[in-house]
Amino acid sequence: MTETASLWPDVRVAYHWVHRAAHVLTNADQLPGTPVKRRLGGLLGAMTRHRAAAGRLTPALTHFLKVSRSYWPGLFHCYEVLDLPRTNNDLEQYFGAHRYHERRATGRKGASPALVLRGSVQLVAATATRLRVFSAEELAPQDGNAWKALRQELAIRRQQRTLRYRFRRDPVSYLAQLEADLLKLSLPP
């Protein structure tokens, strides 16, 4: 204890700030995202201004501030969206459950390629249906144009994946076909 006694004041300062940040993010008052963002922003500003008070732990505190800023854009969605998991561990459980059920349903040992192509739709649907049952009216698209745009995006992803597969399977014939198509476009009719 006597050998590390000089380090304890720095640990107390750094622990106090990190503990306050954890308290703000816990959000026991169930505040919406904006007040939580404001509180954490004020705390991080104070930590930035007074980080020298952390003594030997200043580099660790600087790293904490850097990581907090990098997560800032997506850090507060969980306070705005009901039932959105607040930690990576909770969110990872949703992804893990989806992988588990998909492996069981398809018999694959690895992740399905469909998850890469349609994950933005599949994961949302799988997560939402775990929370409650939806009626047919709720499942019907509200915005036809947005639905068509999403379908188009998914079709483009599928087509790109198909082309990559064809190239890997037979690169010579794929490139020959690509060259022939290019010559057809550049030659006059």
Protein backbone atom coordinates (compact mmCIF):
# COMPACT_ATOMS: atom_id res chain seq x y z
CA MET A 1 0.00 0.00 0.00
CA THR A 2 2.79 2.43 0.80
CA GLU A 3 4.44 1.83 -2.58
CA THR A 4 1.26 2.70 -4.49
CA ALA A 5 0.03 5.44 -2.15
CA SER A 6 1.18 8.17 -4.55
CA LEU A 7 -1.06 6.75 -7.31
CA TRP A 8 -4.32 6.78 -5.34
CA PRO A 9 -5.17 10.49 -5.75
CA ASP A 10 -4.94 10.10 -9.55
CA VAL A 11 -7.08 6.94 -9.43
CA ARG A 12 -9.70 8.70 -7.30
CA VAL A 13 -10.00 11.60 -9.76
CA ALA A 14 -10.20 9.38 -12.85
CA TYR A 15 -12.59 6.92 -11.19
CA HIS A 16 -14.87 9.75 -10.08
CA TRP A 17 -15.18 11.07 -13.67
CA VAL A 18 -15.68 7.67 -15.27
CA HIS A 19 -18.22 6.73 -12.59
CA ARG A 20 -20.14 9.96 -13.26
CA ALA A 21 -20.15 9.20 -17.00
CA ALA A 22 -21.53 5.73 -16.27
CA HIS A 23 -24.20 7.28 -14.05
CA VAL A 24 -25.23 9.71 -16.81
CA LEU A 25 -25.44 6.90 -19.36
CA THR A 26 -27.41 4.64 -16.99
CA ASN A 27 -30.11 7.32 -17.13
CA ALA A 28 -32.02 6.26 -14.02
CA ASP A 29 -34.41 9.20 -14.56
CA GLN A 30 -35.41 7.77 -17.99
CA LEU A 31 -34.71 11.08 -19.72
CA PRO A 32 -34.87 11.35 -23.53
CA GLY A 33 -31.66 11.48 -25.56
CA THR A 34 -31.16 15.25 -25.71
CA PRO A 35 -30.77 15.86 -21.94
CA VAL A 36 -28.54 12.78 -21.60
CA LYS A 37 -26.42 14.05 -24.50
CA ARG A 38 -26.21 17.49 -22.89
CA ARG A 39 -25.19 16.08 -19.49
CA LEU A 40 -22.55 13.78 -20.93
CA GLY A 41 -21.26 16.56 -23.19
CA GLY A 42 -20.84 18.85 -20.18
CA LEU A 43 -19.04 16.16 -18.22
CA LEU A 44 -16.70 15.32 -21.11
CA GLY A 45 -15.99 19.05 -21.53
CA ALA A 46 -15.06 19.33 -17.84
CA MET A 47 -12.91 16.22 -18.12
CA THR A 48 -11.14 17.72 -21.14
CA ARG A 49 -10.47 21.02 -19.38
CA HIS A 50 -9.29 19.46 -16.11
CA ARG A 51 -7.69 16.21 -17.32
CA ALA A 52 -4.32 17.22 -15.88
CA ALA A 53 -5.86 16.59 -12.43
CA ALA A 54 -5.73 12.85 -13.27
CA GLY A 55 -1.92 13.02 -13.06
CA ARG A 56 -0.36 9.80 -14.34
CA LEU A 57 -3.74 8.63 -15.64
CA THR A 58 -4.08 11.58 -18.04
CA PRO A 59 -3.24 9.37 -21.09
CA ALA A 60 -5.96 6.89 -20.09
CA LEU A 61 -8.42 9.74 -19.60
CA THR A 62 -7.46 11.19 -22.99
CA HIS A 63 -8.15 7.78 -24.54
CA PHE A 64 -11.54 7.62 -22.78
CA LEU A 65 -12.43 11.05 -24.21
CA LYS A 66 -11.31 10.03 -27.72
CA VAL A 67 -13.37 6.83 -27.67
CA SER A 68 -16.38 8.67 -26.27
CA ARG A 69 -16.20 11.17 -29.14
CA SER A 70 -15.92 8.39 -31.73
CA TYR A 71 -19.08 6.70 -30.36
CA TRP A 72 -20.93 10.01 -29.97
CA PRO A 73 -23.10 9.90 -33.15
CA GLY A 74 -24.74 6.57 -32.24
CA LEU A 75 -24.51 6.71 -28.47
CA PHE A 76 -27.93 8.16 -27.69
CA HIS A 77 -30.35 6.26 -29.97
CA CYS A 78 -31.18 3.86 -27.14
CA TYR A 79 -32.77 6.72 -25.18
CA GLU A 80 -35.07 7.65 -28.06
CA VAL A 81 -36.12 4.19 -29.33
CA LEU A 82 -38.17 2.11 -26.93
CA ASP A 83 -36.65 -1.33 -26.14
CA LEU A 84 -33.44 -0.67 -28.09
CA PRO A 85 -30.61 -2.40 -26.19
CA ARG A 86 -28.31 0.00 -24.38
CA THR A 87 -25.11 -2.02 -24.45
CA ASN A 88 -23.17 -3.91 -27.08
CA ASN A 89 -23.63 -7.08 -25.03
CA ASP A 90 -27.43 -6.76 -25.17
CA LEU A 91 -27.33 -5.95 -28.86
CA GLU A 92 -24.98 -8.86 -29.55
CA GLN A 93 -27.52 -11.19 -27.94
CA TYR A 94 -30.04 -10.16 -30.61
CA PHE A 95 -27.54 -10.88 -33.39
CA GLY A 96 -26.45 -14.14 -31.78
CA ALA A 97 -30.04 -15.32 -31.40
CA HIS A 98 -30.68 -14.56 -35.07
CA ARG A 99 -27.56 -16.47 -36.16
CA TYR A 100 -28.54 -19.39 -33.96
CA HIS A 101 -32.08 -19.60 -35.35
CA GLU A 102 -30.89 -19.20 -38.93
CA ARG A 103 -28.33 -21.98 -38.52
CA ARG A 104 -31.03 -24.21 -37.05
CA ALA A 105 -33.46 -23.43 -39.88
CA THR A 106 -30.98 -23.80 -42.76
CA GLY A 107 -28.69 -26.50 -41.39
CA ARG A 108 -25.63 -24.36 -42.17
CA LYS A 109 -22.75 -24.29 -39.76
CA GLY A 110 -21.63 -20.82 -40.82
CA ALA A 111 -23.54 -17.61 -41.30
CA SER A 112 -25.91 -17.49 -44.23
CA PRO A 113 -24.95 -15.28 -47.19
CA ALA A 114 -28.54 -14.02 -47.10
CA LEU A 115 -27.71 -12.20 -43.88
CA VAL A 116 -25.15 -10.11 -45.74
CA LEU A 117 -27.60 -9.36 -48.53
CA ARG A 118 -30.79 -8.90 -46.54
CA GLY A 119 -29.52 -8.31 -43.01
CA SER A 120 -30.85 -4.77 -42.82
CA VAL A 121 -34.33 -6.22 -43.26
CA GLN A 122 -34.00 -9.64 -41.64
CA LEU A 123 -32.43 -8.46 -38.40
CA VAL A 124 -34.99 -5.71 -37.90
CA ALA A 125 -37.85 -8.14 -38.61
CA ALA A 126 -36.40 -10.83 -36.32
CA THR A 127 -35.85 -8.37 -33.50
CA ALA A 128 -39.25 -6.72 -33.84
CA THR A 129 -41.14 -10.00 -33.90
CA ARG A 130 -39.46 -11.05 -30.67
CA LEU A 131 -41.00 -8.03 -28.97
CA ARG A 132 -44.63 -8.47 -30.04
CA VAL A 133 -47.04 -9.84 -32.65
CA PHE A 134 -47.84 -7.54 -35.58
CA SER A 135 -51.17 -7.29 -37.40
CA ALA A 136 -51.48 -7.46 -41.20
CA GLU A 137 -52.23 -3.73 -41.32
CA GLU A 138 -49.00 -2.95 -39.46
CA LEU A 139 -46.99 -5.13 -41.83
CA ALA A 140 -48.36 -3.47 -44.97
CA PRO A 141 -45.94 -0.85 -46.36
CA GLN A 142 -46.96 2.69 -45.44
CA ASP A 143 -44.77 4.36 -48.06
CA GLY A 144 -44.82 2.54 -51.39
CA ASN A 145 -41.86 4.49 -52.78
CA ALA A 146 -39.65 3.70 -49.78
CA TRP A 147 -40.64 0.02 -50.05
CA LYS A 148 -39.75 -0.03 -53.78
CA ALA A 149 -36.43 1.71 -53.08
CA LEU A 150 -35.56 -0.86 -50.42
CA ARG A 151 -36.49 -3.74 -52.74
CA GLN A 152 -34.33 -2.19 -55.48
CA GLU A 153 -31.37 -1.86 -53.10
CA LEU A 154 -31.71 -5.49 -52.03
CA ALA A 155 -31.95 -6.61 -55.69
CA ILE A 156 -28.78 -4.68 -56.55
CA ARG A 157 -26.91 -6.33 -53.66
CA ARG A 158 -28.07 -9.77 -54.81
CA GLN A 159 -27.03 -9.03 -58.41
CA GLN A 160 -23.58 -7.81 -57.32
CA ARG A 161 -23.09 -10.95 -55.25
CA THR A 162 -24.11 -13.12 -58.21
CA LEU A 163 -21.58 -11.36 -60.46
CA ARG A 164 -18.80 -11.84 -57.90
CA TYR A 165 -19.66 -15.53 -57.69
CA ARG A 166 -19.57 -15.89 -61.50
CA PHE A 167 -16.19 -14.15 -61.62
CA ARG A 168 -14.71 -16.43 -58.94
CA ARG A 169 -16.09 -19.54 -60.62
CA ASP A 170 -14.78 -18.74 -64.14
CA PRO A 171 -12.86 -15.45 -64.40
CA VAL A 172 -11.79 -15.91 -68.04
CA SER A 173 -15.27 -16.34 -69.49
CA TYR A 174 -16.68 -13.65 -67.17
CA LEU A 175 -14.11 -11.10 -68.37
CA ALA A 176 -14.61 -12.17 -72.02
CA GLN A 177 -18.37 -11.59 -71.68
CA LEU A 178 -17.75 -8.24 -70.01
CA GLU A 179 -15.42 -7.22 -72.85
CA ALA A 180 -17.97 -8.29 -75.47
CA ASP A 181 -20.70 -6.27 -73.74
CA LEU A 182 -18.41 -3.24 -73.63
CA LEU A 183 -17.60 -3.53 -77.36
CA LYS A 184 -21.33 -3.70 -78.16
CA LEU A 185 -21.87 -0.44 -76.30
CA SER A 186 -18.96 1.37 -77.99
CA LEU A 187 -19.62 0.28 -81.59
CA PRO A 188 -22.25 2.13 -83.66
CA PRO A 189 -25.33 0.05 -84.60
